[in-house]
Amino acid sequence: MLKYIVVSFSFLFLISCGSIATQNSSDNTYDDNFNNLPKETNTTVAGSPFIKKTSQRGSLADFDDGYYEKGVDTNYSRRDDILIDNIRSLEWQDDIRVGNITKPWVTQTNYDIGDYDNTDGDTATTYCKNLSLDGDGWRLPTAKELRGVEYDNSRDYIFNNMAPRYLTKSKYWSGTSYSYSYNLVWVLWKTLEIDYKNSNYYIRCVRDINSTDLNTTRFIKIGDIVRDNLTKLDWQDSIKSEKMSWKDALNYCENLSLEGYNDWNLPNQHELFSIVDYSRNYPAIYKEFQNTYIDKYWSSSRDLDTHLSDFVGFVSLYKSFHRVIINIDFADGTIYETNDDDNDKYVRCVRTN
């Protein structure tokens, strides 16, 4: 059965899908760092250079996420009411308050006058700034940080405290504004979506342990490749004109020869998510990528919420009925889930350099 993660405000997307955006054709940036979020520039990037493995174990098809199992294992530890992500170098609030306290992103007064960036007053940002939990230094997480830790929690139940997941109001704030409309912000329920800044949602603050200074540019353009010096990944950046099915995408990347390299594969969902830039839109990708369709791109990862796990005796049934694949729309960075037999996604291959 076809399953989608639907963005709450799809009426905003008035630009037609499928058009190609070059480096200079769209530079719609919106700086969300008024909340002192870590700034991902082309020289210094907050967090860790490592991309974690996804939850997929076992392969649906040759050359998919489970075939390669790329990435590093998760590594969490705990200090009282703080959960420590030793891979991403982050500390997460995990006391009883994260499932009890809700606040707006901006006050209703500031929202009514259109002062959407003013987070003064009794807001989520102020709450994190004033949080006293084994010291200070807390802030709202970025959208990418929030989605990353929720992915790990959905697999390993790493948090002790959280809002009831079955309630549609059980959303958590990120500190990342939606770059297409200043009164919207990225929030997390079961995945990232957008919502109004005057809503009242839950808060899970985060604190940096350290940051990574590359001492060089993060992205380097090498012919038809963009090299990411942070994640140590090379990305295809040549135009591929037609859309294709998921299986065709897997085979296309496996057989790709580009700039003298022939060890390409379709990126898993974590790899593909690493090049989303939520400060930009149309396309929502780092500006060093010169060829991007404003449309959806396949990952090699399946949606684990719909599979029957790897119970003995159910593997063939699982493979027959639960091929639901993660893909990302680079119009704005929304994450979707789609049946693998759809023929309407683009491809950007990746390799480890």
Protein backbone atom coordinates (compact mmCIF):
# COMPACT_ATOMS: atom_id res chain seq x y z
CA MET A 1 0.00 0.00 0.00
CA LEU A 2 1.31 3.38 -0.96
CA LYS A 3 2.38 5.37 2.04
CA TYR A 4 3.45 8.99 2.16
CA ILE A 5 4.70 11.36 4.75
CA VAL A 6 2.66 14.43 3.89
CA VAL A 7 3.87 17.94 4.55
CA SER A 8 1.19 19.83 6.39
CA PHE A 9 1.19 22.79 4.07
CA SER A 10 1.55 21.40 0.58
CA PHE A 11 -0.39 24.35 -0.79
CA LEU A 12 2.82 26.37 -0.57
CA PHE A 13 4.53 24.40 -3.29
CA LEU A 14 3.44 26.33 -6.33
CA ILE A 15 6.57 25.82 -8.39
CA SER A 16 6.21 22.97 -10.84
CA CYS A 17 8.22 19.83 -10.15
CA GLY A 18 10.87 18.44 -12.42
CA SER A 19 12.71 21.60 -13.39
CA ILE A 20 16.48 21.61 -13.09
CA ALA A 21 18.12 24.18 -10.86
CA THR A 22 21.68 25.25 -11.58
CA GLN A 23 24.02 26.82 -9.06
CA ASN A 24 23.13 30.37 -10.01
CA SER A 25 19.42 29.93 -10.81
CA SER A 26 18.24 29.79 -7.19
CA ASP A 27 19.85 31.16 -4.09
CA ASN A 28 16.84 31.60 -1.83
CA THR A 29 18.62 31.50 1.50
CA TYR A 30 17.19 32.21 4.89
CA ASP A 31 19.46 32.43 7.91
CA ASP A 32 17.91 30.64 10.88
CA ASN A 33 20.85 31.26 13.19
CA PHE A 34 19.21 33.97 15.29
CA ASN A 35 18.79 31.17 17.85
CA ASN A 36 22.54 30.58 17.97
CA LEU A 37 22.21 27.36 16.01
CA PRO A 38 25.49 25.84 14.83
CA LYS A 39 26.27 27.31 11.44
CA GLU A 40 27.17 24.86 8.67
CA THR A 41 29.43 26.94 6.46
CA ASN A 42 31.83 25.68 3.85
CA THR A 43 34.71 25.81 6.34
CA THR A 44 33.38 24.85 9.76
CA VAL A 45 30.66 22.30 10.48
CA ALA A 46 29.14 21.51 13.86
CA GLY A 47 29.13 17.88 14.90
CA SER A 48 30.81 14.73 13.69
CA PRO A 49 32.11 13.74 10.25
CA PHE A 50 30.60 10.28 10.62
CA ILE A 51 27.35 9.16 9.01
CA LYS A 52 25.55 6.51 11.03
CA LYS A 53 24.27 3.25 9.65
CA THR A 54 20.56 3.01 9.05
CA SER A 55 18.44 0.33 10.69
CA GLN A 56 18.27 -1.81 7.58
CA ARG A 57 19.80 -5.23 8.02
CA GLY A 58 19.39 -7.62 5.15
CA SER A 59 18.88 -6.75 1.52
CA LEU A 60 15.65 -6.22 -0.41
CA ALA A 61 17.50 -6.05 -3.70
CA ASP A 62 21.07 -6.17 -4.92
CA PHE A 63 23.03 -2.99 -4.18
CA ASP A 64 20.51 -1.51 -1.73
CA ASP A 65 21.15 -0.13 1.77
CA GLY A 66 21.11 -3.58 3.39
CA TYR A 67 23.50 -4.90 0.74
CA TYR A 68 26.21 -2.39 1.67
CA GLU A 69 25.31 -1.40 5.28
CA LYS A 70 27.46 1.72 5.03
CA GLY A 71 28.16 3.97 8.00
CA VAL A 72 29.18 3.67 11.63
CA ASP A 73 27.25 2.11 14.52
CA THR A 74 25.42 4.28 17.01
CA ASN A 75 27.16 4.99 20.32
CA TYR A 76 25.08 6.46 23.14
CA SER A 77 25.81 6.76 26.84
CA ARG A 78 23.91 8.33 29.73
CA ARG A 79 24.67 10.68 32.59
CA ASP A 80 21.59 10.95 34.79
CA ASP A 81 18.97 12.89 32.77
CA ILE A 82 21.28 13.54 29.83
CA LEU A 83 21.64 11.26 26.82
CA ILE A 84 25.02 11.56 25.12
CA ASP A 85 25.44 10.91 21.41
CA ASN A 86 29.13 10.04 21.18
CA ILE A 87 29.04 9.94 17.38
CA ARG A 88 27.49 13.35 16.77
CA SER A 89 29.10 14.92 19.87
CA LEU A 90 25.77 16.10 21.29
CA GLU A 91 24.10 15.95 24.71
CA TRP A 92 20.31 15.66 24.79
CA GLN A 93 17.94 16.67 27.56
CA ASP A 94 16.07 13.58 28.75
CA ASP A 95 14.35 14.53 32.00
CA ILE A 96 10.64 14.41 32.77
CA ARG A 97 10.10 17.93 31.41
CA VAL A 98 10.56 16.87 27.77
CA GLY A 99 7.20 15.08 27.89
CA ASN A 100 5.34 17.68 29.95
CA ILE A 101 6.26 21.22 28.90
CA THR A 102 5.00 22.91 25.73
CA LYS A 103 5.70 26.43 24.51
CA PRO A 104 5.36 28.43 21.28
CA TRP A 105 8.27 29.15 18.97
CA VAL A 106 7.34 32.85 19.03
CA THR A 107 4.81 34.58 21.26
CA GLN A 108 1.37 35.26 19.84
CA THR A 109 2.06 38.99 20.12
CA ASN A 110 5.15 38.79 17.93
CA TYR A 111 3.41 36.43 15.52
CA ASP A 112 0.47 38.80 15.08
CA ILE A 113 2.74 41.70 14.11
CA GLY A 114 4.79 39.56 11.73
CA ASP A 115 7.92 39.54 13.91
CA TYR A 116 8.43 35.85 13.21
CA ASP A 117 12.13 35.75 14.13
CA ASN A 118 11.79 37.37 17.55
CA THR A 119 12.02 34.51 20.03
CA ASP A 120 12.04 36.69 23.13
CA GLY A 121 9.49 35.99 25.85
CA ASP A 122 8.09 32.69 27.04
CA THR A 123 9.20 30.63 24.04
CA ALA A 124 10.93 27.36 23.28
CA THR A 125 14.18 29.15 22.50
CA THR A 126 14.17 31.05 25.79
CA TYR A 127 13.34 27.84 27.65
CA CYS A 128 16.45 26.12 26.27
CA LYS A 129 18.67 29.14 26.88
CA ASN A 130 17.57 29.21 30.51
CA LEU A 131 17.60 25.44 31.06
CA SER A 132 19.71 24.39 34.02
CA LEU A 133 20.58 20.72 33.67
CA ASP A 134 24.11 19.84 34.69
CA GLY A 135 25.15 23.31 33.62
CA ASP A 136 24.01 25.59 30.83
CA GLY A 137 24.73 25.96 27.11
CA TRP A 138 21.47 24.39 25.91
CA ARG A 139 19.68 25.35 22.68
CA LEU A 140 16.99 24.14 20.34
CA PRO A 141 18.26 21.41 17.98
CA THR A 142 18.53 21.96 14.26
CA ALA A 143 16.05 20.09 12.10
CA LYS A 144 18.75 17.67 10.98
CA GLU A 145 19.88 16.97 14.55
CA LEU A 146 16.31 16.38 15.67
CA ARG A 147 15.52 14.01 12.83
CA GLY A 148 18.77 12.10 13.39
CA VAL A 149 18.18 11.41 17.07
CA GLU A 150 14.51 10.53 16.51
CA TYR A 151 15.54 7.98 13.90
CA ASP A 152 17.83 6.32 16.45
CA ASN A 153 15.11 6.47 19.11
CA SER A 154 12.53 4.84 16.87
CA ARG A 155 14.91 1.92 16.48
CA ASP A 156 16.56 1.57 19.89
CA TYR A 157 14.27 3.49 22.29
CA ILE A 158 17.16 5.51 23.63
CA PHE A 159 15.05 8.16 25.40
CA ASN A 160 13.50 7.60 28.82
CA ASN A 161 11.09 10.53 28.51
CA MET A 162 8.98 11.71 25.62
CA ALA A 163 5.52 12.97 24.73
CA PRO A 164 2.88 10.37 23.75
CA ARG A 165 3.75 9.44 20.19
CA TYR A 166 0.18 8.62 19.15
CA LEU A 167 -1.03 12.21 19.67
CA THR A 168 -0.80 14.49 16.64
CA LYS A 169 0.06 17.37 18.96
CA SER A 170 3.09 15.50 20.31
CA LYS A 171 5.52 17.40 18.12
CA TYR A 172 8.94 18.76 19.02
CA TRP A 173 10.39 22.08 17.94
CA SER A 174 13.54 22.46 15.93
CA GLY A 175 15.35 25.78 15.72
CA THR A 176 15.32 25.71 11.91
CA SER A 177 12.89 28.03 10.16
CA TYR A 178 11.26 26.94 6.93
CA SER A 179 13.15 28.90 4.30
CA TYR A 180 10.16 29.37 1.98
CA SER A 181 7.91 31.09 4.52
CA TYR A 182 9.15 32.95 7.58
CA ASN A 183 6.14 32.12 9.78
CA LEU A 184 6.80 28.38 9.51
CA VAL A 185 9.39 26.18 11.17
CA TRP A 186 10.48 22.55 10.98
CA VAL A 187 9.01 20.35 13.71
CA LEU A 188 9.23 16.64 14.35
CA TRP A 189 6.43 14.23 15.03
CA LYS A 190 7.23 10.91 13.37
CA THR A 191 9.27 12.69 10.76
CA LEU A 192 10.09 16.28 9.89
CA GLU A 193 7.22 18.50 8.81
CA ILE A 194 6.46 22.21 8.91
CA ASP A 195 4.14 24.06 11.24
CA TYR A 196 3.24 27.55 12.38
CA LYS A 197 5.55 29.28 14.84
CA ASN A 198 2.72 30.29 17.17
CA SER A 199 1.76 26.65 17.87
CA ASN A 200 2.50 25.06 21.23
CA TYR A 201 4.73 22.01 21.07
CA TYR A 202 7.18 20.06 23.18
CA ILE A 203 10.86 20.86 23.64
CA ARG A 204 13.94 18.68 23.83
CA CYS A 205 17.02 20.82 24.21
CA VAL A 206 20.48 19.86 23.01
CA ARG A 207 24.01 20.91 23.87
CA ASP A 208 27.23 20.69 21.87
CA ILE A 209 30.16 18.71 23.24
CA ASN A 210 32.50 20.04 20.58
CA SER A 211 32.51 21.06 16.93
CA THR A 212 34.58 19.99 13.96
CA ASP A 213 36.79 22.58 12.29
CA LEU A 214 37.74 21.31 8.86
CA ASN A 215 40.45 23.94 8.31
CA THR A 216 39.52 23.61 4.64
CA THR A 217 36.47 23.99 2.42
CA ARG A 218 33.82 21.34 2.98
CA PHE A 219 32.75 20.97 -0.65
CA ILE A 220 35.04 20.88 -3.65
CA LYS A 221 33.82 20.66 -7.23
CA ILE A 222 35.86 18.19 -9.31
CA GLY A 223 34.45 18.01 -12.82
CA ASP A 224 31.08 16.27 -12.50
CA ILE A 225 31.72 15.39 -8.83
CA VAL A 226 31.14 17.31 -5.60
CA ARG A 227 33.55 16.08 -2.93
CA ASP A 228 32.43 16.42 0.71
CA ASN A 229 35.53 16.71 2.89
CA LEU A 230 33.43 16.36 6.04
CA THR A 231 31.69 13.07 5.33
CA LYS A 232 34.36 11.76 2.92
CA LEU A 233 31.78 11.19 0.22
CA ASP A 234 31.92 11.99 -3.50
CA TRP A 235 28.64 12.95 -5.14
CA GLN A 236 27.60 12.72 -8.77
CA ASP A 237 26.75 16.21 -10.02
CA SER A 238 26.03 15.60 -13.68
CA ILE A 239 22.58 15.90 -15.24
CA LYS A 240 20.60 12.67 -15.51
CA SER A 241 17.56 13.60 -17.55
CA GLU A 242 15.06 10.80 -16.96
CA LYS A 243 13.34 9.52 -13.85
CA MET A 244 13.48 5.82 -13.07
CA SER A 245 12.25 3.10 -10.75
CA TRP A 246 14.07 2.21 -7.54
CA LYS A 247 15.59 -1.00 -8.94
CA ASP A 248 16.74 0.81 -12.04
CA ALA A 249 18.30 3.48 -9.82
CA LEU A 250 20.22 0.84 -7.87
CA ASN A 251 21.58 -0.67 -11.08
CA TYR A 252 22.28 2.71 -12.67
CA CYS A 253 24.57 3.76 -9.83
CA GLU A 254 26.23 0.36 -9.62
CA ASN A 255 27.19 0.63 -13.31
CA LEU A 256 28.09 4.32 -13.32
CA SER A 257 31.56 5.36 -14.43
CA LEU A 258 32.31 9.00 -13.69
CA GLU A 259 35.55 11.00 -13.47
CA GLY A 260 37.57 7.79 -13.50
CA TYR A 261 35.63 6.10 -10.68
CA ASN A 262 33.37 3.07 -11.05
CA ASP A 263 32.57 2.25 -7.40
CA TRP A 264 29.33 4.21 -7.16
CA ASN A 265 26.13 3.22 -5.38
CA LEU A 266 22.70 4.66 -4.61
CA PRO A 267 23.00 6.63 -1.33
CA ASN A 268 21.25 5.40 1.78
CA GLN A 269 18.83 7.78 3.46
CA HIS A 270 21.42 9.16 5.91
CA GLU A 271 23.90 9.89 3.13
CA LEU A 272 21.26 11.60 0.99
CA PHE A 273 19.98 13.60 3.98
CA SER A 274 23.51 14.87 4.66
CA ILE A 275 23.43 17.14 1.60
CA VAL A 276 20.04 18.72 2.37
CA ASP A 277 20.47 22.41 3.23
CA TYR A 278 17.41 23.72 5.07
CA SER A 279 18.61 27.31 4.79
CA ARG A 280 17.87 27.13 1.05
CA ASN A 281 14.92 26.05 -1.09
CA TYR A 282 14.26 25.28 -4.72
CA PRO A 283 16.65 23.56 -4.41
CA ALA A 284 17.28 22.72 -0.74
CA ILE A 285 20.83 21.54 -1.29
CA TYR A 286 24.23 23.06 -0.64
CA LYS A 287 25.01 25.60 -3.31
CA GLU A 288 28.13 23.79 -4.51
CA PHE A 289 25.84 21.28 -6.26
CA GLN A 290 25.27 22.78 -9.69
CA ASN A 291 22.75 20.31 -11.11
CA THR A 292 19.72 19.46 -9.03
CA TYR A 293 16.17 18.69 -10.10
CA ILE A 294 13.55 20.36 -7.94
CA ASP A 295 11.96 17.00 -7.31
CA LYS A 296 12.33 13.74 -5.41
CA TYR A 297 15.47 11.59 -5.33
CA TRP A 298 15.70 7.90 -4.43
CA SER A 299 17.65 6.60 -1.46
CA SER A 300 18.63 2.94 -1.18
CA SER A 301 16.83 2.59 2.19
CA ARG A 302 13.50 0.98 2.95
CA ASP A 303 10.97 2.32 5.44
CA LEU A 304 11.32 0.22 8.56
CA ASP A 305 7.96 1.28 9.98
CA THR A 306 6.18 -0.85 7.38
CA HIS A 307 8.27 -4.01 7.34
CA LEU A 308 7.54 -7.25 9.18
CA SER A 309 11.02 -7.29 10.71
CA ASP A 310 13.21 -10.27 9.90
CA PHE A 311 11.13 -12.97 11.54
CA VAL A 312 12.00 -16.44 10.25
CA GLY A 313 9.34 -17.60 7.81
CA PHE A 314 8.12 -14.10 6.93
CA VAL A 315 11.04 -12.95 4.79
CA SER A 316 9.43 -13.81 1.44
CA LEU A 317 6.14 -12.20 2.46
CA TYR A 318 7.98 -9.11 3.65
CA LYS A 319 9.90 -8.79 0.38
CA SER A 320 6.70 -9.17 -1.64
CA PHE A 321 4.53 -6.60 0.10
CA HIS A 322 6.67 -4.11 1.97
CA ARG A 323 9.05 -2.45 -0.45
CA VAL A 324 8.46 1.11 0.73
CA ILE A 325 11.48 3.28 0.01
CA ILE A 326 12.70 6.55 1.53
CA ASN A 327 13.14 9.43 -0.89
CA ILE A 328 13.84 13.14 -0.42
CA ASP A 329 12.31 16.07 -2.26
CA PHE A 330 15.06 18.62 -2.91
CA ALA A 331 12.52 21.38 -3.45
CA ASP A 332 12.51 21.90 0.31
CA GLY A 333 14.09 18.80 1.93
CA THR A 334 10.88 16.93 2.78
CA ILE A 335 11.30 13.20 3.38
CA TYR A 336 8.79 10.84 1.74
CA GLU A 337 8.09 7.12 1.55
CA THR A 338 7.08 5.59 -1.77
CA ASN A 339 6.50 2.15 -3.27
CA ASP A 340 9.57 0.89 -5.07
CA ASP A 341 7.76 0.32 -8.37
CA ASP A 342 7.13 4.03 -8.90
CA ASN A 343 9.00 5.35 -11.92
CA ASP A 344 9.09 9.00 -10.95
CA LYS A 345 12.26 9.66 -8.96
CA TYR A 346 15.64 11.08 -9.90
CA VAL A 347 19.04 9.69 -8.98
CA ARG A 348 22.25 11.12 -7.50
CA CYS A 349 24.93 8.47 -6.98
CA VAL A 350 27.57 8.50 -4.23
CA ARG A 351 30.91 6.89 -3.44
CA THR A 352 33.31 6.91 -0.51
CA ASN A 353 36.49 8.82 -1.29
